[in-house]
N, C-alpha and C. Protein backbone atom coordinates (compact mmCIF):
# COMPACT_ATOMS: atom_id res chain seq x y z
N MET A 1 114.34 55.20 38.73
CA MET A 1 113.93 56.51 39.17
C MET A 1 113.66 57.34 37.95
N ASP A 2 112.78 57.37 37.39
CA ASP A 2 112.51 58.12 36.25
C ASP A 2 112.11 59.58 36.48
N TYR A 3 111.90 59.90 37.66
CA TYR A 3 111.52 61.20 38.22
C TYR A 3 112.69 62.21 38.35
N ILE A 4 113.93 61.68 38.28
CA ILE A 4 114.89 62.33 38.62
C ILE A 4 115.39 63.10 37.17
N TYR A 5 115.66 64.41 37.24
CA TYR A 5 116.12 65.09 36.05
C TYR A 5 117.33 65.65 36.25
N THR A 6 118.07 66.26 35.16
CA THR A 6 119.31 66.63 35.38
C THR A 6 119.44 67.98 34.68
N LEU A 7 120.16 69.00 35.22
CA LEU A 7 120.40 70.21 34.58
C LEU A 7 121.82 70.22 34.18
N LEU A 8 122.80 69.93 35.25
CA LEU A 8 124.18 69.80 34.95
C LEU A 8 124.83 71.21 34.31
N GLY A 9 124.47 72.30 34.88
CA GLY A 9 124.97 73.51 34.08
C GLY A 9 124.31 73.90 32.90
N ALA A 10 123.30 73.39 32.49
CA ALA A 10 122.70 73.59 31.31
C ALA A 10 122.14 74.97 31.20
N GLU A 11 121.87 75.36 29.96
CA GLU A 11 121.17 76.81 29.66
C GLU A 11 119.85 76.68 30.23
N MET A 12 119.35 77.83 30.56
CA MET A 12 117.90 77.74 31.03
C MET A 12 117.03 77.41 29.67
N THR A 13 116.05 76.43 30.02
CA THR A 13 114.73 76.32 29.02
C THR A 13 114.06 77.23 29.06
N GLU A 14 113.56 78.00 28.00
CA GLU A 14 112.60 79.16 28.17
C GLU A 14 111.14 78.54 27.68
N TYR A 15 110.34 79.10 28.37
CA TYR A 15 108.94 78.93 28.32
C TYR A 15 108.30 80.24 28.49
N ALA A 16 107.20 80.58 27.71
CA ALA A 16 106.56 81.67 27.91
C ALA A 16 105.54 81.52 29.17
N ASP A 17 105.34 82.70 29.89
CA ASP A 17 104.51 82.46 31.07
C ASP A 17 103.12 81.97 30.72
N LEU A 18 102.66 81.03 31.47
CA LEU A 18 101.18 80.48 31.55
C LEU A 18 101.25 79.52 30.44
N THR A 19 102.30 78.94 29.84
CA THR A 19 102.14 77.90 28.79
C THR A 19 102.46 76.59 29.62
N LYS A 20 102.15 75.35 29.06
CA LYS A 20 102.31 74.08 29.51
C LYS A 20 103.89 73.95 29.76
N CYS A 21 104.28 73.55 30.84
CA CYS A 21 105.63 73.12 31.11
C CYS A 21 105.91 71.67 31.06
N SER A 22 106.80 71.42 29.92
CA SER A 22 107.11 69.93 29.79
C SER A 22 108.51 69.68 29.91
N TYR A 23 109.13 70.32 30.75
CA TYR A 23 110.56 70.44 31.03
C TYR A 23 110.88 68.99 31.71
N PHE A 24 110.15 68.53 32.61
CA PHE A 24 110.62 67.50 33.44
C PHE A 24 110.34 66.21 32.88
N SER A 25 110.96 65.11 33.40
CA SER A 25 110.78 63.89 32.80
C SER A 25 109.63 62.92 33.22
N PHE A 26 108.68 63.84 33.93
CA PHE A 26 107.36 63.11 34.22
C PHE A 26 106.22 63.99 33.61
N GLU A 27 105.22 63.29 33.48
CA GLU A 27 103.92 64.03 32.94
C GLU A 27 103.03 64.62 34.00
N CYS A 28 102.70 65.77 33.74
CA CYS A 28 101.55 66.47 34.57
C CYS A 28 101.03 67.68 33.71
N GLU A 29 99.73 67.37 33.32
CA GLU A 29 99.08 68.35 32.53
C GLU A 29 98.81 69.69 33.17
N ALA A 30 98.81 69.58 34.55
CA ALA A 30 98.44 70.80 35.36
C ALA A 30 99.48 71.92 35.35
N LEU A 31 100.96 71.48 34.95
CA LEU A 31 101.90 72.49 35.21
C LEU A 31 102.04 73.48 34.21
N LEU A 32 101.96 74.79 34.61
CA LEU A 32 101.98 75.95 33.85
C LEU A 32 103.28 76.69 34.23
N ALA A 33 104.13 77.05 33.24
CA ALA A 33 105.54 77.74 33.60
C ALA A 33 105.31 79.19 33.73
N VAL A 34 106.16 79.64 34.63
CA VAL A 34 106.23 81.11 35.11
C VAL A 34 107.63 81.46 35.39
N GLY A 35 108.16 82.47 34.66
CA GLY A 35 109.56 82.92 34.98
C GLY A 35 110.63 81.97 34.48
N TRP A 36 110.45 81.43 33.36
CA TRP A 36 111.58 80.44 32.72
C TRP A 36 112.09 81.40 31.50
N LEU A 37 112.96 82.20 32.00
CA LEU A 37 113.46 83.17 31.20
C LEU A 37 114.92 82.84 30.55
N SER A 38 115.14 83.35 29.31
CA SER A 38 116.57 83.09 28.87
C SER A 38 117.07 84.38 28.26
N ALA A 39 118.00 84.57 27.64
CA ALA A 39 118.73 85.58 27.23
C ALA A 39 117.79 86.44 26.06
N ASN A 40 117.03 85.60 25.33
CA ASN A 40 116.01 85.87 24.27
C ASN A 40 114.73 86.26 24.88
N SER A 41 114.47 86.09 25.99
CA SER A 41 113.05 86.32 26.58
C SER A 41 112.46 87.79 26.52
N GLN A 42 111.37 87.74 25.96
CA GLN A 42 110.63 88.95 26.22
C GLN A 42 109.71 88.88 27.47
N TYR A 43 109.97 89.81 28.35
CA TYR A 43 109.03 89.81 29.53
C TYR A 43 108.54 91.13 29.91
N GLU A 44 107.51 90.95 30.90
CA GLU A 44 107.10 92.24 31.52
C GLU A 44 107.90 92.65 32.67
N THR A 45 108.24 94.03 32.76
CA THR A 45 108.90 94.49 33.85
C THR A 45 108.07 95.51 34.64
N GLY A 46 108.49 95.69 36.07
CA GLY A 46 107.77 96.61 36.79
C GLY A 46 107.98 96.21 38.16
N ASP A 47 107.48 97.02 38.98
CA ASP A 47 107.58 96.89 40.47
C ASP A 47 106.65 95.72 40.94
N SER A 48 107.12 94.95 42.05
CA SER A 48 106.49 93.80 42.59
C SER A 48 106.06 94.26 43.96
N ASP A 49 104.88 93.77 44.37
CA ASP A 49 104.57 94.00 45.89
C ASP A 49 105.49 93.47 46.74
N PRO A 50 106.09 94.08 47.75
CA PRO A 50 106.89 93.52 48.72
C PRO A 50 106.36 92.49 49.43
N ALA A 51 105.07 92.43 49.58
CA ALA A 51 104.54 91.16 50.34
C ALA A 51 104.52 89.85 49.63
N PHE A 52 104.36 90.11 48.14
CA PHE A 52 104.47 88.98 47.45
C PHE A 52 105.93 88.51 47.41
N PHE A 53 106.78 89.46 47.16
CA PHE A 53 108.19 89.01 47.15
C PHE A 53 108.77 88.36 48.52
N ALA A 54 108.29 88.78 49.59
CA ALA A 54 108.71 88.07 50.83
C ALA A 54 107.97 86.68 50.95
N ARG A 55 106.86 86.59 50.47
CA ARG A 55 106.14 85.27 50.58
C ARG A 55 106.87 84.38 49.64
N LEU A 56 107.15 84.86 48.17
CA LEU A 56 107.88 83.97 47.36
C LEU A 56 109.22 83.43 47.82
N LEU A 57 110.10 84.28 48.67
CA LEU A 57 111.28 84.07 49.30
C LEU A 57 110.89 82.89 50.18
N GLU A 58 110.02 83.09 51.07
CA GLU A 58 109.58 81.93 52.02
C GLU A 58 109.41 80.70 51.37
N LEU A 59 108.57 80.61 50.20
CA LEU A 59 108.46 79.32 49.54
C LEU A 59 109.69 78.82 48.79
N ALA A 60 110.67 79.64 48.40
CA ALA A 60 111.82 79.27 47.86
C ALA A 60 112.92 78.87 48.74
N ARG A 61 112.56 78.99 49.94
CA ARG A 61 113.76 78.56 51.13
C ARG A 61 113.93 77.02 50.94
N SER A 62 112.80 76.45 50.91
CA SER A 62 112.90 74.93 50.81
C SER A 62 111.83 74.45 50.12
N PRO A 63 111.77 74.54 48.75
CA PRO A 63 110.70 74.13 47.96
C PRO A 63 110.41 72.72 47.94
N TRP A 64 109.13 72.15 47.80
CA TRP A 64 108.84 70.84 47.55
C TRP A 64 109.05 70.57 46.24
N GLU A 65 109.74 69.55 45.84
CA GLU A 65 109.70 69.09 44.44
C GLU A 65 109.58 67.52 44.39
N PRO A 66 109.02 67.28 43.24
CA PRO A 66 108.61 65.79 42.93
C PRO A 66 109.82 64.94 42.43
N GLY A 67 110.93 65.63 42.37
CA GLY A 67 112.11 64.85 41.93
C GLY A 67 113.37 65.54 42.39
N VAL A 68 114.68 65.02 42.12
CA VAL A 68 115.86 65.56 42.58
C VAL A 68 116.63 66.25 41.43
N CYS A 69 117.13 67.39 41.72
CA CYS A 69 117.86 68.23 40.77
C CYS A 69 119.33 67.81 40.89
N MET A 70 119.92 67.77 39.61
CA MET A 70 121.29 67.42 39.72
C MET A 70 121.98 68.72 38.82
N GLY A 71 122.78 69.38 39.39
CA GLY A 71 123.36 70.53 38.87
C GLY A 71 122.82 71.83 39.06
N TYR A 72 122.84 72.73 38.03
CA TYR A 72 122.26 74.06 38.11
C TYR A 72 122.24 74.80 36.86
N HIS A 73 121.52 75.97 36.90
CA HIS A 73 121.34 76.76 35.58
C HIS A 73 121.88 78.22 35.98
N GLU A 74 122.43 78.81 35.32
CA GLU A 74 122.83 80.24 35.47
C GLU A 74 121.87 81.29 34.74
N CYS A 75 121.69 82.44 35.47
CA CYS A 75 121.02 83.49 34.78
C CYS A 75 121.50 84.04 33.48
N GLU A 76 120.87 84.00 32.37
CA GLU A 76 121.33 84.29 31.06
C GLU A 76 121.06 85.90 30.91
N LEU A 77 120.53 86.57 31.70
CA LEU A 77 120.23 88.04 31.93
C LEU A 77 121.37 88.73 32.33
N CYS A 78 122.17 88.18 33.11
CA CYS A 78 123.20 88.95 33.97
C CYS A 78 124.48 89.15 32.98
N GLN A 79 125.10 90.28 33.09
CA GLN A 79 126.20 90.55 32.27
C GLN A 79 127.48 89.85 32.92
N PHE A 80 127.56 89.96 34.33
CA PHE A 80 128.76 89.48 34.80
C PHE A 80 128.20 88.55 36.25
N GLN A 81 128.92 87.72 36.51
CA GLN A 81 128.81 86.96 37.76
C GLN A 81 127.16 86.31 37.71
N PRO A 82 126.66 85.61 36.98
CA PRO A 82 125.28 85.30 37.05
C PRO A 82 124.88 84.61 38.31
N ALA A 83 123.82 84.82 38.76
CA ALA A 83 123.17 84.00 39.83
C ALA A 83 122.96 82.65 39.29
N MET A 84 123.00 81.70 40.08
CA MET A 84 122.73 80.16 39.72
C MET A 84 121.51 79.72 40.60
N GLY A 85 120.85 78.92 39.96
CA GLY A 85 119.67 78.20 40.56
C GLY A 85 119.69 76.59 40.27
N LYS A 86 118.97 75.92 41.10
CA LYS A 86 118.87 74.44 40.74
C LYS A 86 117.52 73.88 41.23
N SER A 87 116.70 74.60 41.91
CA SER A 87 115.63 74.06 42.37
C SER A 87 114.28 74.72 41.65
N ASN A 88 113.26 74.19 41.81
CA ASN A 88 112.09 74.72 41.21
C ASN A 88 110.84 74.93 42.32
N ILE A 89 109.95 75.95 42.00
CA ILE A 89 109.06 76.14 42.98
C ILE A 89 107.60 75.69 42.36
N PHE A 90 106.99 74.73 42.96
CA PHE A 90 105.63 74.33 42.48
C PHE A 90 104.44 74.87 43.34
N VAL A 91 103.64 75.77 42.68
CA VAL A 91 102.54 76.39 43.46
C VAL A 91 101.22 76.10 43.05
N PRO A 92 100.47 75.54 43.57
CA PRO A 92 99.07 75.04 43.12
C PRO A 92 98.09 75.98 43.31
N TYR A 93 97.17 76.25 42.34
CA TYR A 93 96.19 77.32 42.57
C TYR A 93 95.19 77.26 41.53
N GLN A 94 93.90 77.11 41.69
CA GLN A 94 92.85 77.22 41.01
C GLN A 94 92.90 76.30 39.59
N GLY A 95 93.16 75.14 39.97
CA GLY A 95 93.17 74.03 38.76
C GLY A 95 94.48 73.85 38.15
N SER A 96 95.35 74.76 38.41
CA SER A 96 96.72 74.57 37.96
C SER A 96 97.78 74.42 39.00
N ILE A 97 99.01 74.05 38.45
CA ILE A 97 100.34 74.11 39.34
C ILE A 97 101.21 74.84 38.64
N TYR A 98 101.55 76.14 39.06
CA TYR A 98 102.57 76.84 38.46
C TYR A 98 103.84 76.39 38.87
N VAL A 99 104.81 76.45 37.93
CA VAL A 99 106.02 75.95 38.25
C VAL A 99 107.16 77.09 37.69
N ALA A 100 107.92 77.57 38.76
CA ALA A 100 108.88 78.51 38.35
C ALA A 100 110.30 78.12 38.80
N PRO A 101 111.40 78.26 38.15
CA PRO A 101 112.60 78.11 38.61
C PRO A 101 113.03 78.93 39.86
N GLU A 102 113.66 78.44 40.70
CA GLU A 102 113.96 79.39 41.88
C GLU A 102 114.81 80.63 41.55
N LEU A 103 115.38 80.61 40.25
CA LEU A 103 115.93 82.03 39.86
C LEU A 103 114.78 83.16 39.64
N ILE A 104 113.47 82.78 39.64
CA ILE A 104 112.48 83.81 39.59
C ILE A 104 112.64 84.91 40.78
N VAL A 105 113.30 84.42 41.76
CA VAL A 105 113.63 85.42 42.90
C VAL A 105 114.58 86.38 42.51
N HIS A 106 115.54 85.91 41.81
CA HIS A 106 116.65 86.96 41.27
C HIS A 106 116.10 87.66 40.15
N TYR A 107 115.29 86.93 39.18
CA TYR A 107 114.79 87.80 38.06
C TYR A 107 113.96 88.96 38.52
N ILE A 108 113.16 88.76 39.57
CA ILE A 108 112.28 89.77 40.21
C ILE A 108 113.26 90.93 40.65
N ALA A 109 114.14 90.57 41.57
CA ALA A 109 114.89 91.38 42.33
C ALA A 109 115.98 92.13 41.37
N ALA A 110 116.58 91.49 40.48
CA ALA A 110 117.73 91.92 39.78
C ALA A 110 117.37 92.67 38.26
N HIS A 111 116.40 91.99 37.72
CA HIS A 111 115.92 92.31 36.40
C HIS A 111 114.45 92.86 36.25
N ARG A 112 113.79 93.19 37.41
CA ARG A 112 112.53 93.78 37.49
C ARG A 112 111.59 92.93 36.64
N TYR A 113 111.70 91.58 36.54
CA TYR A 113 110.75 90.73 35.93
C TYR A 113 109.34 90.86 36.69
N LYS A 114 108.41 91.12 36.02
CA LYS A 114 107.03 91.15 36.67
C LYS A 114 106.10 89.98 36.38
N PRO A 115 105.92 89.08 37.23
CA PRO A 115 105.23 87.60 36.92
C PRO A 115 103.75 88.13 36.85
N PRO A 116 102.96 87.05 36.05
CA PRO A 116 101.53 87.30 35.77
C PRO A 116 100.89 87.37 37.20
N GLN A 117 99.75 88.21 37.20
CA GLN A 117 99.21 88.40 38.40
C GLN A 117 98.54 86.96 38.96
N VAL A 118 98.07 85.95 38.20
CA VAL A 118 97.58 84.87 38.66
C VAL A 118 98.63 83.97 39.43
N PHE A 119 100.01 84.16 39.18
CA PHE A 119 101.01 83.58 39.87
C PHE A 119 101.22 84.38 41.17
N VAL A 120 101.09 85.66 41.18
CA VAL A 120 101.23 86.43 42.31
C VAL A 120 100.08 86.02 43.44
N ASP A 121 98.91 85.74 42.95
CA ASP A 121 97.75 85.38 43.63
C ASP A 121 98.05 83.99 44.28
N ALA A 122 98.64 83.11 43.35
CA ALA A 122 98.60 81.67 43.75
C ALA A 122 99.84 81.60 44.96
N VAL A 123 100.91 82.54 44.77
CA VAL A 123 102.03 82.50 45.87
C VAL A 123 101.37 83.00 47.22
N MET A 124 100.54 84.05 46.99
CA MET A 124 100.02 84.68 48.27
C MET A 124 99.11 83.64 49.04
N THR A 125 98.48 82.74 48.29
CA THR A 125 97.37 81.87 48.98
C THR A 125 98.15 80.49 49.12
N CYS A 126 99.31 80.26 48.67
CA CYS A 126 99.85 78.85 48.90
C CYS A 126 100.21 78.54 50.33
N PRO A 127 99.86 77.32 50.58
CA PRO A 127 100.07 76.86 52.05
C PRO A 127 101.43 76.52 52.10
N GLU A 128 102.05 76.41 53.38
CA GLU A 128 103.33 76.21 53.64
C GLU A 128 103.76 74.82 52.78
N MET A 129 105.07 75.11 52.29
CA MET A 129 105.62 73.83 51.61
C MET A 129 105.81 72.68 52.54
N ASN A 130 105.48 71.42 51.93
CA ASN A 130 105.73 70.17 52.65
C ASN A 130 104.67 70.09 53.83
N SER A 131 103.57 70.98 53.91
CA SER A 131 102.41 70.82 54.85
C SER A 131 101.34 69.76 54.12
N MET A 132 100.46 69.44 55.21
CA MET A 132 99.52 68.45 54.73
C MET A 132 98.63 69.39 53.75
N ASP A 133 98.35 70.65 54.01
CA ASP A 133 97.62 71.46 53.27
C ASP A 133 98.08 71.79 51.96
N TYR A 134 99.49 71.84 51.96
CA TYR A 134 100.13 71.99 50.60
C TYR A 134 99.90 70.80 49.63
N LYS A 135 100.13 69.45 50.26
CA LYS A 135 99.98 68.38 49.38
C LYS A 135 98.43 68.16 49.09
N LYS A 136 97.61 68.56 49.99
CA LYS A 136 96.04 68.46 49.47
C LYS A 136 95.97 69.56 48.26
N ALA A 137 96.54 70.65 48.35
CA ALA A 137 96.34 71.59 47.49
C ALA A 137 96.94 71.02 46.09
N LEU A 138 98.04 70.44 46.07
CA LEU A 138 98.62 69.80 44.75
C LEU A 138 97.70 68.75 44.17
N LEU A 139 97.01 67.92 45.15
CA LEU A 139 96.20 66.76 44.59
C LEU A 139 94.98 67.38 44.12
N ALA A 140 94.40 68.51 44.74
CA ALA A 140 93.07 69.25 44.20
C ALA A 140 93.43 70.01 42.94
N ASN A 141 94.60 70.18 42.59
CA ASN A 141 94.87 71.09 41.29
C ASN A 141 95.57 70.15 40.24
N GLY A 142 95.28 69.03 40.16
CA GLY A 142 95.89 68.15 39.18
C GLY A 142 97.33 67.59 39.42
N GLY A 143 97.79 67.49 40.63
CA GLY A 143 99.15 67.05 40.94
C GLY A 143 99.36 65.65 41.41
N ARG A 144 98.40 64.89 41.09
CA ARG A 144 98.43 63.65 41.61
C ARG A 144 99.67 62.78 41.10
N SER A 145 100.06 63.01 39.86
CA SER A 145 101.17 62.35 39.35
C SER A 145 102.45 62.79 39.97
N LEU A 146 102.47 64.14 40.27
CA LEU A 146 103.74 64.68 41.00
C LEU A 146 103.72 63.97 42.36
N VAL A 147 102.72 63.86 43.12
CA VAL A 147 102.82 63.31 44.45
C VAL A 147 103.19 61.81 44.37
N SER A 148 102.50 61.14 43.40
CA SER A 148 102.85 59.71 43.19
C SER A 148 104.45 59.55 42.85
N LYS A 149 105.02 60.25 42.03
CA LYS A 149 106.32 60.25 41.65
C LYS A 149 107.15 60.43 42.93
N ARG A 150 106.69 61.48 43.71
CA ARG A 150 107.55 61.84 44.96
C ARG A 150 107.63 60.71 45.85
N ASN A 151 106.45 59.90 46.00
CA ASN A 151 106.30 58.79 47.01
C ASN A 151 106.88 57.41 46.36
N ALA A 152 107.33 57.41 45.03
CA ALA A 152 107.63 56.20 44.44
C ALA A 152 109.01 55.63 44.92
């Protein structure tokens, strides 16, 4: 089962927004990182559209993932009682698949992280997780290896 990846309380891996995300043990050229923040990250801040935030919360409730997470990571931006996350959110859109840690919800709400507009657009148009339309969108945007791993 080479598609299982492990976090086990590890520090968050940092990726600049919209760069290739090679965090996982599987290959997928379409993956672009969004919201992979660490204590040393430089990131844009500002207000987010409430409709975007509500839609992101919906997607984060039960995100589709091509593998199984073991463990968690903590928010490195919090001074006390950091939030924890273990899942990732895969959002297909216009030839890419944006992948964000579930902590992106916390980063937006608590640290005013402002994700790139293309990610906002992707979230707003993303089909319901685990729907046939979502799986078709993954395939259409370069995610065949993700779907193949999930079904292996």
